[in-house]
């Protein structure tokens, strides 16, 4: 995974993993539950070039009762 800068390189040269947020609002918190390094990219559905947050700031891949929706025109 390469988001931002840093590039891709040999896995044996990884000495740190960093996370930054551009323009955070409030006091955001990040919780990592699992981290792994791999020689080959497993891909990442979240990082594919597609919209993940709708115009209401809601997570598009999920659905729940009360989720705001645009009225059909």
N, C-alpha and C. Protein backbone atom coordinates (compact mmCIF):
# COMPACT_ATOMS: atom_id res chain seq x y z
N UNK A 1 0.85 -1.17 0.00
CA UNK A 1 0.00 0.00 0.00
C UNK A 1 0.89 1.23 0.00
N UNK A 2 0.60 2.14 -0.85
CA UNK A 2 1.37 3.37 -0.91
C UNK A 2 0.40 4.52 -1.11
N UNK A 3 0.08 5.19 -0.04
CA UNK A 3 -0.83 6.32 -0.10
C UNK A 3 -0.01 7.56 0.21
N UNK A 4 0.05 8.47 -0.71
CA UNK A 4 0.83 9.68 -0.47
C UNK A 4 2.19 9.57 -1.11
N UNK A 5 3.21 9.44 -0.29
CA UNK A 5 4.56 9.35 -0.84
C UNK A 5 5.30 8.22 -0.16
N UNK A 6 6.47 7.97 -0.60
CA UNK A 6 7.27 6.92 0.00
C UNK A 6 7.66 5.87 -1.01
N UNK A 7 6.78 5.57 -1.93
CA UNK A 7 7.08 4.62 -2.98
C UNK A 7 7.08 3.18 -2.50
N UNK A 8 7.37 2.32 -3.42
CA UNK A 8 7.41 0.88 -3.15
C UNK A 8 8.86 0.45 -3.18
N UNK A 9 9.27 -0.37 -2.23
CA UNK A 9 10.64 -0.83 -2.18
C UNK A 9 10.72 -2.20 -1.55
N UNK A 10 11.93 -2.69 -1.35
CA UNK A 10 12.12 -4.01 -0.75
C UNK A 10 11.54 -4.06 0.67
N UNK A 11 10.83 -5.14 0.97
CA UNK A 11 10.18 -5.28 2.27
C UNK A 11 11.19 -5.33 3.42
N UNK A 12 12.40 -5.81 3.15
CA UNK A 12 13.40 -5.89 4.20
C UNK A 12 14.00 -4.53 4.56
N UNK A 13 13.60 -3.49 3.83
CA UNK A 13 14.09 -2.15 4.14
C UNK A 13 13.05 -1.29 4.87
N UNK A 14 11.92 -1.89 5.24
CA UNK A 14 10.88 -1.16 5.99
C UNK A 14 11.34 -1.04 7.43
N UNK A 15 11.45 0.19 7.92
CA UNK A 15 11.83 0.37 9.32
C UNK A 15 10.78 1.15 10.10
N UNK A 16 9.75 1.64 9.41
CA UNK A 16 8.69 2.37 10.11
C UNK A 16 7.45 2.45 9.22
N UNK A 17 6.32 2.60 9.85
CA UNK A 17 5.06 2.83 9.16
C UNK A 17 4.47 4.09 9.77
N UNK A 18 4.13 5.07 8.94
CA UNK A 18 3.58 6.32 9.45
C UNK A 18 2.18 6.57 8.92
N UNK A 19 1.38 7.26 9.69
CA UNK A 19 0.02 7.62 9.31
C UNK A 19 -0.16 9.11 9.58
N UNK A 20 -0.65 9.83 8.59
CA UNK A 20 -0.96 11.25 8.78
C UNK A 20 -2.37 11.52 8.28
N UNK A 21 -2.95 12.61 8.76
CA UNK A 21 -4.28 13.03 8.29
C UNK A 21 -4.19 14.46 7.81
N UNK A 22 -4.68 14.70 6.60
CA UNK A 22 -4.72 16.07 6.09
C UNK A 22 -5.97 16.75 6.63
N UNK A 23 -5.81 17.89 7.23
CA UNK A 23 -6.93 18.70 7.73
C UNK A 23 -7.89 17.92 8.62
N UNK A 24 -7.41 17.31 9.70
CA UNK A 24 -8.33 16.58 10.58
C UNK A 24 -9.32 17.53 11.26
N UNK A 25 -10.52 17.05 11.50
CA UNK A 25 -11.56 17.83 12.17
C UNK A 25 -11.77 17.26 13.56
N UNK A 26 -11.84 18.11 14.56
CA UNK A 26 -12.03 17.63 15.93
C UNK A 26 -10.78 16.94 16.43
N UNK A 27 -10.99 15.85 17.13
CA UNK A 27 -9.88 15.06 17.68
C UNK A 27 -10.01 13.63 17.17
N UNK A 28 -9.71 13.39 15.88
CA UNK A 28 -9.88 12.04 15.33
C UNK A 28 -8.94 11.05 15.99
N UNK A 29 -9.38 9.80 16.00
CA UNK A 29 -8.59 8.72 16.58
C UNK A 29 -8.51 7.59 15.56
N UNK A 30 -7.37 6.99 15.44
CA UNK A 30 -7.15 5.89 14.52
C UNK A 30 -6.80 4.65 15.32
N UNK A 31 -7.51 3.56 15.06
CA UNK A 31 -7.22 2.30 15.74
C UNK A 31 -6.83 1.27 14.70
N UNK A 32 -5.61 0.74 14.82
CA UNK A 32 -5.13 -0.31 13.93
C UNK A 32 -5.29 -1.64 14.64
N UNK A 33 -5.97 -2.56 14.02
CA UNK A 33 -6.18 -3.87 14.63
C UNK A 33 -5.29 -4.95 14.04
N UNK A 34 -4.85 -4.73 12.83
CA UNK A 34 -4.01 -5.73 12.19
C UNK A 34 -3.14 -5.06 11.14
N UNK A 35 -1.85 -5.33 11.19
CA UNK A 35 -0.91 -4.79 10.21
C UNK A 35 -0.05 -5.94 9.74
N UNK A 36 0.16 -6.02 8.43
CA UNK A 36 1.00 -7.08 7.88
C UNK A 36 1.79 -6.53 6.70
N UNK A 37 2.98 -7.05 6.50
CA UNK A 37 3.80 -6.72 5.34
C UNK A 37 3.83 -7.93 4.44
N UNK A 38 3.80 -7.69 3.13
CA UNK A 38 3.80 -8.80 2.17
C UNK A 38 4.69 -8.45 0.99
N UNK A 39 5.29 -9.47 0.40
CA UNK A 39 6.14 -9.26 -0.78
C UNK A 39 5.30 -8.80 -1.97
N UNK A 40 4.13 -9.40 -2.16
CA UNK A 40 3.25 -9.05 -3.28
C UNK A 40 2.05 -8.26 -2.77
N UNK A 41 1.58 -7.32 -3.55
CA UNK A 41 0.44 -6.51 -3.15
C UNK A 41 -0.83 -7.36 -3.16
N UNK A 42 -1.54 -7.41 -2.03
CA UNK A 42 -2.81 -8.15 -2.01
C UNK A 42 -3.94 -7.32 -2.60
N UNK A 43 -3.67 -6.07 -2.96
CA UNK A 43 -4.72 -5.18 -3.44
C UNK A 43 -5.47 -4.62 -2.25
N UNK A 44 -6.30 -3.65 -2.50
CA UNK A 44 -7.05 -3.05 -1.41
C UNK A 44 -8.29 -2.40 -1.99
N UNK A 45 -9.46 -2.96 -1.69
CA UNK A 45 -10.71 -2.44 -2.23
C UNK A 45 -10.95 -1.01 -1.79
N UNK A 46 -10.50 -0.65 -0.60
CA UNK A 46 -10.72 0.71 -0.11
C UNK A 46 -9.90 1.72 -0.90
N UNK A 47 -8.74 1.32 -1.39
CA UNK A 47 -7.87 2.25 -2.09
C UNK A 47 -8.10 2.27 -3.60
N UNK A 48 -9.02 1.45 -4.08
CA UNK A 48 -9.33 1.49 -5.50
C UNK A 48 -9.93 2.85 -5.83
N UNK A 49 -9.79 3.33 -7.04
CA UNK A 49 -10.30 4.66 -7.39
C UNK A 49 -11.83 4.68 -7.51
N UNK A 50 -12.51 4.80 -6.38
CA UNK A 50 -13.97 4.91 -6.37
C UNK A 50 -14.38 5.75 -5.17
N UNK A 51 -15.58 6.29 -5.22
CA UNK A 51 -16.08 7.10 -4.12
C UNK A 51 -16.42 6.21 -2.92
N UNK A 52 -16.04 6.66 -1.73
CA UNK A 52 -16.32 5.91 -0.50
C UNK A 52 -17.24 6.68 0.44
N UNK A 53 -17.33 8.00 0.26
CA UNK A 53 -18.17 8.82 1.12
C UNK A 53 -19.12 9.60 0.22
N UNK A 54 -20.41 9.59 0.56
CA UNK A 54 -21.40 10.29 -0.26
C UNK A 54 -21.48 11.77 0.08
N UNK A 55 -22.41 12.46 -0.56
CA UNK A 55 -22.54 13.90 -0.37
C UNK A 55 -22.99 14.29 1.04
N UNK A 56 -23.44 13.31 1.82
CA UNK A 56 -23.82 13.55 3.21
C UNK A 56 -22.72 13.18 4.20
N UNK A 57 -21.57 12.73 3.68
CA UNK A 57 -20.48 12.32 4.55
C UNK A 57 -20.64 10.92 5.09
N UNK A 58 -21.47 10.11 4.45
CA UNK A 58 -21.75 8.74 4.91
C UNK A 58 -20.92 7.73 4.10
N UNK A 59 -20.56 6.65 4.75
CA UNK A 59 -19.79 5.57 4.15
C UNK A 59 -20.66 4.86 3.12
N UNK A 60 -20.29 4.96 1.83
CA UNK A 60 -21.09 4.42 0.74
C UNK A 60 -21.23 2.89 0.80
N UNK A 61 -20.15 2.11 1.06
CA UNK A 61 -20.29 0.65 1.02
C UNK A 61 -21.26 0.06 2.06
N UNK A 62 -21.66 0.81 3.07
CA UNK A 62 -22.56 0.29 4.10
C UNK A 62 -23.96 0.85 3.94
N UNK A 63 -24.92 0.13 4.49
CA UNK A 63 -26.30 0.60 4.51
C UNK A 63 -26.84 0.39 5.92
N UNK A 64 -27.71 1.26 6.37
CA UNK A 64 -28.29 1.16 7.71
C UNK A 64 -29.63 1.89 7.73
N UNK A 65 -30.49 1.55 8.67
CA UNK A 65 -31.76 2.26 8.80
C UNK A 65 -31.50 3.74 9.10
N UNK A 66 -32.19 4.61 8.39
CA UNK A 66 -32.04 6.04 8.61
C UNK A 66 -30.94 6.70 7.79
N UNK A 67 -30.26 5.92 6.95
CA UNK A 67 -29.21 6.50 6.11
C UNK A 67 -29.86 7.53 5.18
N UNK A 68 -29.29 8.72 5.12
CA UNK A 68 -29.83 9.80 4.28
C UNK A 68 -29.65 9.45 2.81
N UNK A 69 -30.65 9.77 2.03
CA UNK A 69 -30.61 9.50 0.60
C UNK A 69 -31.17 10.70 -0.15
N UNK A 70 -30.70 10.90 -1.37
CA UNK A 70 -31.24 11.95 -2.21
C UNK A 70 -32.61 11.51 -2.73
N UNK A 71 -33.53 12.44 -2.82
CA UNK A 71 -34.85 12.14 -3.39
C UNK A 71 -34.70 11.94 -4.88
N UNK A 72 -35.42 10.94 -5.46
CA UNK A 72 -35.33 10.76 -6.91
C UNK A 72 -35.93 11.99 -7.61
N UNK A 73 -35.29 12.39 -8.70
CA UNK A 73 -35.78 13.58 -9.41
C UNK A 73 -36.55 13.21 -10.64
